[in-house]
Amino acid sequence: MGLTFIPITVSNPANPDKKTTVDCLIDSGAIYSVIPKRILKKLKIKPEESRQFTLANGDKMKRAVGIARFQMNGKKGGAPVVFGEIKDSALLGATALEAMGMTFNPLTRELLPLPMIIG
């Protein structure tokens, strides 16, 4: 098992020309993505609410959450984003991956197309 980082383009959904690339750790076990607050502010992405999160060690913390547009390998999608504080890692979580029609195999460390089923 290893760590997999990938460059992700993050942009403001209301103004997709406001964008930047962030190296993110792929964390398919995380629901939301985490992007540093300073980057989201530069993109003029605003927090919509504050939510409580539980860390792996059981500690709880509150973070602001907004909506960002994510893009990689020609795939695009909008998803919730956590406003990361100084010590928070930049993470690409499951909702952003799914919004882009992708999934991550943690054993092979491959990004794969997500089967899209309407039912």
C-alpha atoms as a PDB file:
ATOM      1  CA  MET A   1       0.000   0.000   0.000  1.00  0.00           C
ATOM      2  CA  GLY A   2       1.346   3.428  -0.864  1.00  0.00           C
ATOM      3  CA  LEU A   3       0.361   7.030  -1.235  1.00  0.00           C
ATOM      4  CA  THR A   4      -0.901   8.302  -4.546  1.00  0.00           C
ATOM      5  CA  PHE A   5      -0.809  11.999  -5.408  1.00  0.00           C
ATOM      6  CA  ILE A   6      -2.352  13.518  -8.523  1.00  0.00           C
ATOM      7  CA  PRO A   7      -2.540  17.059  -9.889  1.00  0.00           C
ATOM      8  CA  ILE A   8      -6.164  18.240  -9.870  1.00  0.00           C
ATOM      9  CA  THR A   9      -7.506  21.422 -11.412  1.00  0.00           C
ATOM     10  CA  VAL A  10      -9.805  23.171  -8.939  1.00  0.00           C
ATOM     11  CA  SER A  11     -12.038  26.023 -10.062  1.00  0.00           C
ATOM     12  CA  ASN A  12     -14.934  28.197  -8.994  1.00  0.00           C
ATOM     13  CA  PRO A  13     -18.182  26.666 -10.361  1.00  0.00           C
ATOM     14  CA  ALA A  14     -19.594  30.171 -10.943  1.00  0.00           C
ATOM     15  CA  ASN A  15     -16.454  31.226 -12.841  1.00  0.00           C
ATOM     16  CA  PRO A  16     -14.536  28.205 -14.228  1.00  0.00           C
ATOM     17  CA  ASP A  17     -11.816  30.525 -15.591  1.00  0.00           C
ATOM     18  CA  LYS A  18     -10.730  31.073 -11.955  1.00  0.00           C
ATOM     19  CA  LYS A  19      -8.723  27.873 -11.570  1.00  0.00           C
ATOM     20  CA  THR A  20      -5.509  26.444 -10.225  1.00  0.00           C
ATOM     21  CA  THR A  21      -3.797  23.067 -10.036  1.00  0.00           C
ATOM     22  CA  VAL A  22      -3.301  21.383  -6.660  1.00  0.00           C
ATOM     23  CA  ASP A  23      -1.345  18.184  -5.947  1.00  0.00           C
ATOM     24  CA  CYS A  24      -3.783  16.073  -3.925  1.00  0.00           C
ATOM     25  CA  LEU A  25      -3.441  12.810  -2.082  1.00  0.00           C
ATOM     26  CA  ILE A  26      -6.126  10.465  -3.402  1.00  0.00           C
ATOM     27  CA  ASP A  27      -8.110   9.338  -0.366  1.00  0.00           C
ATOM     28  CA  SER A  28     -11.025   7.205  -1.528  1.00  0.00           C
ATOM     29  CA  GLY A  29     -11.888   6.619   2.138  1.00  0.00           C
ATOM     30  CA  ALA A  30     -12.574  10.330   2.605  1.00  0.00           C
ATOM     31  CA  ILE A  31     -16.023  11.527   1.564  1.00  0.00           C
ATOM     32  CA  TYR A  32     -15.082  15.155   0.847  1.00  0.00           C
ATOM     33  CA  SER A  33     -12.001  16.681  -0.730  1.00  0.00           C
ATOM     34  CA  VAL A  34      -9.824  19.087   1.256  1.00  0.00           C
ATOM     35  CA  ILE A  35      -8.188  22.066  -0.453  1.00  0.00           C
ATOM     36  CA  PRO A  36      -6.196  24.730   1.428  1.00  0.00           C
ATOM     37  CA  LYS A  37      -8.390  27.636   2.480  1.00  0.00           C
ATOM     38  CA  ARG A  38      -5.972  30.187   0.974  1.00  0.00           C
ATOM     39  CA  ILE A  39      -6.396  28.584  -2.478  1.00  0.00           C
ATOM     40  CA  LEU A  40     -10.198  28.477  -2.246  1.00  0.00           C
ATOM     41  CA  LYS A  41     -10.260  32.142  -1.199  1.00  0.00           C
ATOM     42  CA  LYS A  42      -8.105  33.091  -4.225  1.00  0.00           C
ATOM     43  CA  LEU A  43     -10.634  31.259  -6.421  1.00  0.00           C
ATOM     44  CA  LYS A  44     -13.432  33.226  -4.687  1.00  0.00           C
ATOM     45  CA  ILE A  45     -15.098  30.012  -3.504  1.00  0.00           C
ATOM     46  CA  LYS A  46     -17.119  30.845  -0.416  1.00  0.00           C
ATOM     47  CA  PRO A  47     -17.950  28.587   2.513  1.00  0.00           C
ATOM     48  CA  GLU A  48     -21.621  27.666   2.658  1.00  0.00           C
ATOM     49  CA  GLU A  49     -21.621  26.135   6.124  1.00  0.00           C
ATOM     50  CA  SER A  50     -19.451  24.634   8.829  1.00  0.00           C
ATOM     51  CA  ARG A  51     -19.473  20.883   9.522  1.00  0.00           C
ATOM     52  CA  GLN A  52     -17.958  18.659  12.161  1.00  0.00           C
ATOM     53  CA  PHE A  53     -15.515  15.941  11.095  1.00  0.00           C
ATOM     54  CA  THR A  54     -13.996  13.048  13.033  1.00  0.00           C
ATOM     55  CA  LEU A  55     -10.325  12.195  12.566  1.00  0.00           C
ATOM     56  CA  ALA A  56      -8.977   8.624  12.512  1.00  0.00           C
ATOM     57  CA  ASN A  57      -7.875   9.021  16.153  1.00  0.00           C
ATOM     58  CA  GLY A  58     -11.397  10.013  17.228  1.00  0.00           C
ATOM     59  CA  ASP A  59     -10.705  13.744  17.615  1.00  0.00           C
ATOM     60  CA  LYS A  60     -13.421  16.036  16.281  1.00  0.00           C
ATOM     61  CA  MET A  61     -12.921  19.291  14.412  1.00  0.00           C
ATOM     62  CA  LYS A  62     -15.033  21.836  12.543  1.00  0.00           C
ATOM     63  CA  ARG A  63     -14.232  23.031   9.059  1.00  0.00           C
ATOM     64  CA  ALA A  64     -15.943  25.309   6.546  1.00  0.00           C
ATOM     65  CA  VAL A  65     -17.428  23.557   3.500  1.00  0.00           C
ATOM     66  CA  GLY A  66     -18.247  24.977   0.056  1.00  0.00           C
ATOM     67  CA  ILE A  67     -18.652  23.744  -3.507  1.00  0.00           C
ATOM     68  CA  ALA A  68     -15.789  23.495  -6.025  1.00  0.00           C
ATOM     69  CA  ARG A  69     -15.386  22.257  -9.574  1.00  0.00           C
ATOM     70  CA  PHE A  70     -12.753  19.543 -10.055  1.00  0.00           C
ATOM     71  CA  GLN A  71     -11.073  18.464 -13.301  1.00  0.00           C
ATOM     72  CA  MET A  72      -8.531  15.816 -14.299  1.00  0.00           C
ATOM     73  CA  ASN A  73      -7.792  13.946 -17.511  1.00  0.00           C
ATOM     74  CA  GLY A  74     -10.636  15.749 -19.300  1.00  0.00           C
ATOM     75  CA  LYS A  75     -13.203  14.717 -16.677  1.00  0.00           C
ATOM     76  CA  LYS A  76     -15.090  17.443 -14.756  1.00  0.00           C
ATOM     77  CA  GLY A  77     -17.488  17.538 -11.825  1.00  0.00           C
ATOM     78  CA  GLY A  78     -18.693  19.672  -8.941  1.00  0.00           C
ATOM     79  CA  ALA A  79     -18.486  18.460  -5.353  1.00  0.00           C
ATOM     80  CA  PRO A  80     -18.295  19.640  -1.735  1.00  0.00           C
ATOM     81  CA  VAL A  81     -14.883  20.882  -0.645  1.00  0.00           C
ATOM     82  CA  VAL A  82     -13.496  21.367   2.860  1.00  0.00           C
ATOM     83  CA  PHE A  83     -11.567  24.580   3.527  1.00  0.00           C
ATOM     84  CA  GLY A  84      -8.279  23.122   4.746  1.00  0.00           C
ATOM     85  CA  GLU A  85      -6.349  24.742   7.576  1.00  0.00           C
ATOM     86  CA  ILE A  86      -2.542  25.054   7.644  1.00  0.00           C
ATOM     87  CA  LYS A  87      -1.832  21.510   8.910  1.00  0.00           C
ATOM     88  CA  ASP A  88      -4.519  19.812   6.759  1.00  0.00           C
ATOM     89  CA  SER A  89      -3.364  17.796   3.738  1.00  0.00           C
ATOM     90  CA  ALA A  90      -4.837  18.464   0.295  1.00  0.00           C
ATOM     91  CA  LEU A  91      -7.041  15.436  -0.383  1.00  0.00           C
ATOM     92  CA  LEU A  92      -9.137  14.255  -3.305  1.00  0.00           C
ATOM     93  CA  GLY A  93     -12.127  12.464  -1.784  1.00  0.00           C
ATOM     94  CA  ALA A  94     -14.787  10.077  -3.052  1.00  0.00           C
ATOM     95  CA  THR A  95     -17.476  12.640  -3.947  1.00  0.00           C
ATOM     96  CA  ALA A  96     -15.148  14.583  -6.276  1.00  0.00           C
ATOM     97  CA  LEU A  97     -13.897  11.348  -7.848  1.00  0.00           C
ATOM     98  CA  GLU A  98     -17.468  10.165  -8.419  1.00  0.00           C
ATOM     99  CA  ALA A  99     -18.545  13.574  -9.753  1.00  0.00           C
ATOM    100  CA  MET A 100     -15.806  13.213 -12.388  1.00  0.00           C
ATOM    101  CA  GLY A 101     -16.967   9.672 -13.203  1.00  0.00           C
ATOM    102  CA  MET A 102     -13.864   8.103 -11.669  1.00  0.00           C
ATOM    103  CA  THR A 103     -13.045   5.643  -8.921  1.00  0.00           C
ATOM    104  CA  PHE A 104      -9.735   4.655  -7.320  1.00  0.00           C
ATOM    105  CA  ASN A 105      -8.458   1.129  -6.777  1.00  0.00           C
ATOM    106  CA  PRO A 106      -6.302   1.384  -3.620  1.00  0.00           C
ATOM    107  CA  LEU A 107      -4.636  -1.987  -4.265  1.00  0.00           C
ATOM    108  CA  THR A 108      -3.353  -1.183  -7.752  1.00  0.00           C
ATOM    109  CA  ARG A 109      -3.334   2.605  -7.130  1.00  0.00           C
ATOM    110  CA  GLU A 110      -5.125   3.139 -10.444  1.00  0.00           C
ATOM    111  CA  LEU A 111      -7.797   5.654 -11.362  1.00  0.00           C
ATOM    112  CA  LEU A 112     -10.565   3.873 -13.232  1.00  0.00           C
ATOM    113  CA  PRO A 113     -13.781   4.909 -14.961  1.00  0.00           C
ATOM    114  CA  LEU A 114     -16.773   4.608 -12.646  1.00  0.00           C
ATOM    115  CA  PRO A 115     -19.596   2.546 -14.158  1.00  0.00           C
ATOM    116  CA  MET A 116     -22.485   4.983 -14.538  1.00  0.00           C
ATOM    117  CA  ILE A 117     -25.800   3.267 -13.878  1.00  0.00           C
ATOM    118  CA  ILE A 118     -29.243   4.828 -13.987  1.00  0.00           C
ATOM    119  CA  GLY A 119     -31.804   2.689 -12.261  1.00  0.00           C
END
